[in-house]
Amino acid sequence: MDGTQEHQDYNSHRTLVTEGEWAGWSYYPGGDPYEDLAGPFYVRDQEDGTALCAFRAERKHLNGGGFMHGGCIMTFADFCLFMIARPVLADSHSVTATFNGEFVGSVYEGQIVECTGEVVKAGRSMVFVRGLITTGGEPVMPFSAVIKKVRPRNVPA
């Protein structure tokens, strides 16, 4: 979600899943190449308007110890960060400025990983967010982060 001029609007890639396990959820194919590789990650708007994000842990998400790699958890958390803040980001380009998280639990293959959170404060150029990633109702990673709204920039070819 880096704000380059060549990059299409991330939200234009939002796709509703109509069949299977994730029917009724949305995802963003082609919106972020790294998330495409790591995911797919899904989001659904809850009745109160907040985002619920989720995905199922697959073998590709695991480390050598047989549980989810910390980098995968952080990648999912970064996806969630922007889904949680989506209502206050409008059409602005934005990037993750800071991210703090604690690994407090493990995820194993086949488990559903979920995340909810809230915008703590939305300023003119900074958005403060906190979230909690869980599996089976148990905490995996609480996190807090700051999103910086930025102007689109040109990227050298």
C-alpha atoms as a PDB file:
ATOM      1  CA  MET A   1       0.000   0.000   0.000  1.00  0.00           C
ATOM      2  CA  ASP A   2       2.757   2.304  -0.869  1.00  0.00           C
ATOM      3  CA  GLY A   3       1.246   5.192  -2.763  1.00  0.00           C
ATOM      4  CA  THR A   4       3.144   5.077  -6.055  1.00  0.00           C
ATOM      5  CA  GLN A   5       1.487   6.732  -9.023  1.00  0.00           C
ATOM      6  CA  GLU A   6       1.834   3.586 -11.137  1.00  0.00           C
ATOM      7  CA  HIS A   7       0.082   1.531  -8.467  1.00  0.00           C
ATOM      8  CA  GLN A   8      -3.672   1.184  -8.928  1.00  0.00           C
ATOM      9  CA  ASP A   9      -5.968   1.944  -6.021  1.00  0.00           C
ATOM     10  CA  TYR A  10      -5.728  -1.027  -3.637  1.00  0.00           C
ATOM     11  CA  ASN A  11      -9.463  -0.886  -2.948  1.00  0.00           C
ATOM     12  CA  SER A  12     -10.247  -1.295  -6.650  1.00  0.00           C
ATOM     13  CA  HIS A  13      -9.060  -4.892  -6.255  1.00  0.00           C
ATOM     14  CA  ARG A  14     -11.577  -5.792  -3.534  1.00  0.00           C
ATOM     15  CA  THR A  15     -13.234  -9.035  -4.611  1.00  0.00           C
ATOM     16  CA  LEU A  16     -16.174 -10.719  -2.918  1.00  0.00           C
ATOM     17  CA  VAL A  17     -15.838 -14.480  -2.467  1.00  0.00           C
ATOM     18  CA  THR A  18     -19.076 -16.176  -3.533  1.00  0.00           C
ATOM     19  CA  GLU A  19     -18.314 -19.866  -2.949  1.00  0.00           C
ATOM     20  CA  GLY A  20     -16.518 -22.156  -0.531  1.00  0.00           C
ATOM     21  CA  GLU A  21     -15.201 -21.648   2.959  1.00  0.00           C
ATOM     22  CA  TRP A  22     -14.744 -17.881   2.541  1.00  0.00           C
ATOM     23  CA  ALA A  23     -18.088 -17.084   0.862  1.00  0.00           C
ATOM     24  CA  GLY A  24     -19.240 -13.648   2.018  1.00  0.00           C
ATOM     25  CA  TRP A  25     -15.693 -12.465   2.741  1.00  0.00           C
ATOM     26  CA  SER A  26     -13.610 -10.163   0.518  1.00  0.00           C
ATOM     27  CA  TYR A  27      -9.975 -10.268  -0.502  1.00  0.00           C
ATOM     28  CA  TYR A  28      -7.685  -8.139  -2.675  1.00  0.00           C
ATOM     29  CA  PRO A  29      -6.097 -10.184  -5.487  1.00  0.00           C
ATOM     30  CA  GLY A  30      -3.560  -8.064  -7.338  1.00  0.00           C
ATOM     31  CA  GLY A  31      -3.772  -5.264  -4.785  1.00  0.00           C
ATOM     32  CA  ASP A  32      -0.476  -6.065  -3.083  1.00  0.00           C
ATOM     33  CA  PRO A  33       1.899  -8.615  -4.671  1.00  0.00           C
ATOM     34  CA  TYR A  34       3.465  -9.625  -1.349  1.00  0.00           C
ATOM     35  CA  GLU A  35       0.063 -10.218   0.278  1.00  0.00           C
ATOM     36  CA  ASP A  36      -0.914 -12.310  -2.755  1.00  0.00           C
ATOM     37  CA  LEU A  37       2.154 -14.468  -2.118  1.00  0.00           C
ATOM     38  CA  ALA A  38       1.629 -14.707   1.656  1.00  0.00           C
ATOM     39  CA  GLY A  39      -2.168 -14.952   1.745  1.00  0.00           C
ATOM     40  CA  PRO A  40      -4.837 -14.975   0.729  1.00  0.00           C
ATOM     41  CA  PHE A  41      -6.064 -12.842   3.625  1.00  0.00           C
ATOM     42  CA  TYR A  42      -9.776 -12.085   3.956  1.00  0.00           C
ATOM     43  CA  VAL A  43     -11.881  -9.307   5.479  1.00  0.00           C
ATOM     44  CA  ARG A  44     -15.548  -9.007   6.376  1.00  0.00           C
ATOM     45  CA  ASP A  45     -17.406  -6.004   7.755  1.00  0.00           C
ATOM     46  CA  GLN A  46     -19.066  -6.787  11.065  1.00  0.00           C
ATOM     47  CA  GLU A  47     -22.491  -5.482  12.107  1.00  0.00           C
ATOM     48  CA  ASP A  48     -20.890  -2.602  14.036  1.00  0.00           C
ATOM     49  CA  GLY A  49     -18.946  -1.545  10.916  1.00  0.00           C
ATOM     50  CA  THR A  50     -15.558  -2.772  12.120  1.00  0.00           C
ATOM     51  CA  ALA A  51     -13.400  -5.149  10.129  1.00  0.00           C
ATOM     52  CA  LEU A  52     -12.901  -8.820  10.937  1.00  0.00           C
ATOM     53  CA  CYS A  53      -9.877 -10.253   9.118  1.00  0.00           C
ATOM     54  CA  ALA A  54      -9.052 -13.946   8.811  1.00  0.00           C
ATOM     55  CA  PHE A  55      -7.220 -16.697   6.959  1.00  0.00           C
ATOM     56  CA  ARG A  56      -6.498 -20.402   7.359  1.00  0.00           C
ATOM     57  CA  ALA A  57      -2.938 -21.436   8.242  1.00  0.00           C
ATOM     58  CA  GLU A  58      -1.415 -23.534   5.474  1.00  0.00           C
ATOM     59  CA  ARG A  59       1.885 -25.409   5.290  1.00  0.00           C
ATOM     60  CA  LYS A  60       3.423 -22.478   3.385  1.00  0.00           C
ATOM     61  CA  HIS A  61       2.868 -20.282   6.470  1.00  0.00           C
ATOM     62  CA  LEU A  62       4.860 -22.491   8.844  1.00  0.00           C
ATOM     63  CA  ASN A  63       8.428 -22.247  10.117  1.00  0.00           C
ATOM     64  CA  GLY A  64      10.868 -25.106  10.743  1.00  0.00           C
ATOM     65  CA  GLY A  65       9.284 -25.738  14.149  1.00  0.00           C
ATOM     66  CA  GLY A  66       5.932 -26.607  12.583  1.00  0.00           C
ATOM     67  CA  PHE A  67       4.050 -23.498  13.677  1.00  0.00           C
ATOM     68  CA  MET A  68       3.318 -20.195  11.921  1.00  0.00           C
ATOM     69  CA  HIS A  69       6.345 -18.120  10.968  1.00  0.00           C
ATOM     70  CA  GLY A  70       6.510 -14.774  12.781  1.00  0.00           C
ATOM     71  CA  GLY A  71       6.941 -12.982   9.462  1.00  0.00           C
ATOM     72  CA  CYS A  72       3.614 -14.408   8.293  1.00  0.00           C
ATOM     73  CA  ILE A  73       1.897 -13.217  11.463  1.00  0.00           C
ATOM     74  CA  MET A  74       3.365  -9.732  10.970  1.00  0.00           C
ATOM     75  CA  THR A  75       2.377  -9.676   7.290  1.00  0.00           C
ATOM     76  CA  PHE A  76      -1.180 -10.561   8.264  1.00  0.00           C
ATOM     77  CA  ALA A  77      -1.102  -7.918  11.006  1.00  0.00           C
ATOM     78  CA  ASP A  78      -0.035  -5.277   8.465  1.00  0.00           C
ATOM     79  CA  PHE A  79      -2.934  -6.291   6.189  1.00  0.00           C
ATOM     80  CA  CYS A  80      -5.292  -6.067   9.180  1.00  0.00           C
ATOM     81  CA  LEU A  81      -3.909  -2.688  10.168  1.00  0.00           C
ATOM     82  CA  PHE A  82      -5.078  -1.198   6.883  1.00  0.00           C
ATOM     83  CA  MET A  83      -8.426  -3.019   6.941  1.00  0.00           C
ATOM     84  CA  ILE A  84      -9.096  -1.708  10.461  1.00  0.00           C
ATOM     85  CA  ALA A  85      -8.179   1.846   9.404  1.00  0.00           C
ATOM     86  CA  ARG A  86      -9.908   1.681   6.001  1.00  0.00           C
ATOM     87  CA  PRO A  87     -12.848   3.937   7.013  1.00  0.00           C
ATOM     88  CA  VAL A  88     -10.543   6.822   7.986  1.00  0.00           C
ATOM     89  CA  LEU A  89      -8.053   6.437   5.150  1.00  0.00           C
ATOM     90  CA  ALA A  90     -10.610   7.256   2.438  1.00  0.00           C
ATOM     91  CA  ASP A  91      -8.778   7.594  -0.871  1.00  0.00           C
ATOM     92  CA  SER A  92      -5.438   8.593   0.628  1.00  0.00           C
ATOM     93  CA  HIS A  93      -2.186   6.774  -0.049  1.00  0.00           C
ATOM     94  CA  SER A  94      -0.570   5.530   3.142  1.00  0.00           C
ATOM     95  CA  VAL A  95       2.259   3.469   4.575  1.00  0.00           C
ATOM     96  CA  THR A  96       3.030   1.752   7.858  1.00  0.00           C
ATOM     97  CA  ALA A  97       5.184   4.178   9.863  1.00  0.00           C
ATOM     98  CA  THR A  98       5.611   2.187  13.078  1.00  0.00           C
ATOM     99  CA  PHE A  99       4.578  -1.277  14.182  1.00  0.00           C
ATOM    100  CA  ASN A 100       4.813  -2.882  17.619  1.00  0.00           C
ATOM    101  CA  GLY A 101       3.676  -6.400  18.353  1.00  0.00           C
ATOM    102  CA  GLU A 102       4.280  -9.190  20.816  1.00  0.00           C
ATOM    103  CA  PHE A 103       4.213 -12.872  19.879  1.00  0.00           C
ATOM    104  CA  VAL A 104       2.211 -14.419  22.703  1.00  0.00           C
ATOM    105  CA  GLY A 105       0.803 -17.570  21.105  1.00  0.00           C
ATOM    106  CA  SER A 106       1.295 -20.091  18.326  1.00  0.00           C
ATOM    107  CA  VAL A 107      -0.676 -21.027  15.227  1.00  0.00           C
ATOM    108  CA  TYR A 108      -0.612 -24.488  13.673  1.00  0.00           C
ATOM    109  CA  GLU A 109      -1.507 -25.741  10.216  1.00  0.00           C
ATOM    110  CA  GLY A 110      -5.247 -25.828   9.607  1.00  0.00           C
ATOM    111  CA  GLN A 111      -6.174 -23.282  12.254  1.00  0.00           C
ATOM    112  CA  ILE A 112      -8.201 -20.170  11.433  1.00  0.00           C
ATOM    113  CA  VAL A 113      -6.384 -16.958  12.349  1.00  0.00           C
ATOM    114  CA  GLU A 114      -8.544 -13.880  13.068  1.00  0.00           C
ATOM    115  CA  CYS A 115      -7.955 -10.222  13.836  1.00  0.00           C
ATOM    116  CA  THR A 116     -10.073  -7.364  15.117  1.00  0.00           C
ATOM    117  CA  GLY A 117      -9.058  -3.916  16.204  1.00  0.00           C
ATOM    118  CA  GLU A 118      -9.824  -0.253  16.380  1.00  0.00           C
ATOM    119  CA  VAL A 119      -8.628   3.146  15.298  1.00  0.00           C
ATOM    120  CA  VAL A 120      -7.410   4.827  18.472  1.00  0.00           C
ATOM    121  CA  LYS A 121      -7.038   8.246  16.831  1.00  0.00           C
ATOM    122  CA  ALA A 122      -7.178   9.516  13.271  1.00  0.00           C
ATOM    123  CA  GLY A 123      -5.283  12.723  12.688  1.00  0.00           C
ATOM    124  CA  ARG A 124      -4.722  14.695   9.508  1.00  0.00           C
ATOM    125  CA  SER A 125      -1.651  12.708   8.491  1.00  0.00           C
ATOM    126  CA  MET A 126      -1.268   9.945  11.112  1.00  0.00           C
ATOM    127  CA  VAL A 127      -3.666   7.157  12.081  1.00  0.00           C
ATOM    128  CA  PHE A 128      -3.107   5.228  15.328  1.00  0.00           C
ATOM    129  CA  VAL A 129      -4.428   1.660  15.375  1.00  0.00           C
ATOM    130  CA  ARG A 130      -4.410  -1.309  17.719  1.00  0.00           C
ATOM    131  CA  GLY A 131      -5.434  -4.875  17.052  1.00  0.00           C
ATOM    132  CA  LEU A 132      -5.430  -8.403  18.362  1.00  0.00           C
ATOM    133  CA  ILE A 133      -4.699 -11.522  16.334  1.00  0.00           C
ATOM    134  CA  THR A 134      -6.192 -14.731  17.744  1.00  0.00           C
ATOM    135  CA  THR A 135      -6.732 -18.380  16.887  1.00  0.00           C
ATOM    136  CA  GLY A 136      -9.406 -20.470  18.560  1.00  0.00           C
ATOM    137  CA  GLY A 137     -10.132 -17.535  20.862  1.00  0.00           C
ATOM    138  CA  GLU A 138      -6.549 -17.507  22.191  1.00  0.00           C
ATOM    139  CA  PRO A 139      -4.279 -14.473  21.672  1.00  0.00           C
ATOM    140  CA  VAL A 140      -1.453 -14.792  19.163  1.00  0.00           C
ATOM    141  CA  MET A 141      -0.277 -11.193  18.744  1.00  0.00           C
ATOM    142  CA  PRO A 142      -1.528  -7.929  20.202  1.00  0.00           C
ATOM    143  CA  PHE A 143      -0.215  -5.006  18.158  1.00  0.00           C
ATOM    144  CA  SER A 144      -0.258  -1.254  17.796  1.00  0.00           C
ATOM    145  CA  ALA A 145       0.819   0.726  14.776  1.00  0.00           C
ATOM    146  CA  VAL A 146       0.831   4.115  13.130  1.00  0.00           C
ATOM    147  CA  ILE A 147      -0.155   4.663   9.510  1.00  0.00           C
ATOM    148  CA  LYS A 148       1.261   7.732   7.742  1.00  0.00           C
ATOM    149  CA  LYS A 149      -0.781   9.299   4.954  1.00  0.00           C
ATOM    150  CA  VAL A 150       1.528  10.215   2.078  1.00  0.00           C
ATOM    151  CA  ARG A 151       1.376  11.835  -1.333  1.00  0.00           C
ATOM    152  CA  PRO A 152       1.782   9.567  -4.331  1.00  0.00           C
ATOM    153  CA  ARG A 153       5.359   9.420  -5.563  1.00  0.00           C
ATOM    154  CA  ASN A 154       7.040   8.505  -8.819  1.00  0.00           C
ATOM    155  CA  VAL A 155       9.025   5.292  -8.776  1.00  0.00           C
ATOM    156  CA  PRO A 156      12.017   4.998 -11.093  1.00  0.00           C
ATOM    157  CA  ALA A 157      11.553   2.421 -13.849  1.00  0.00           C
END
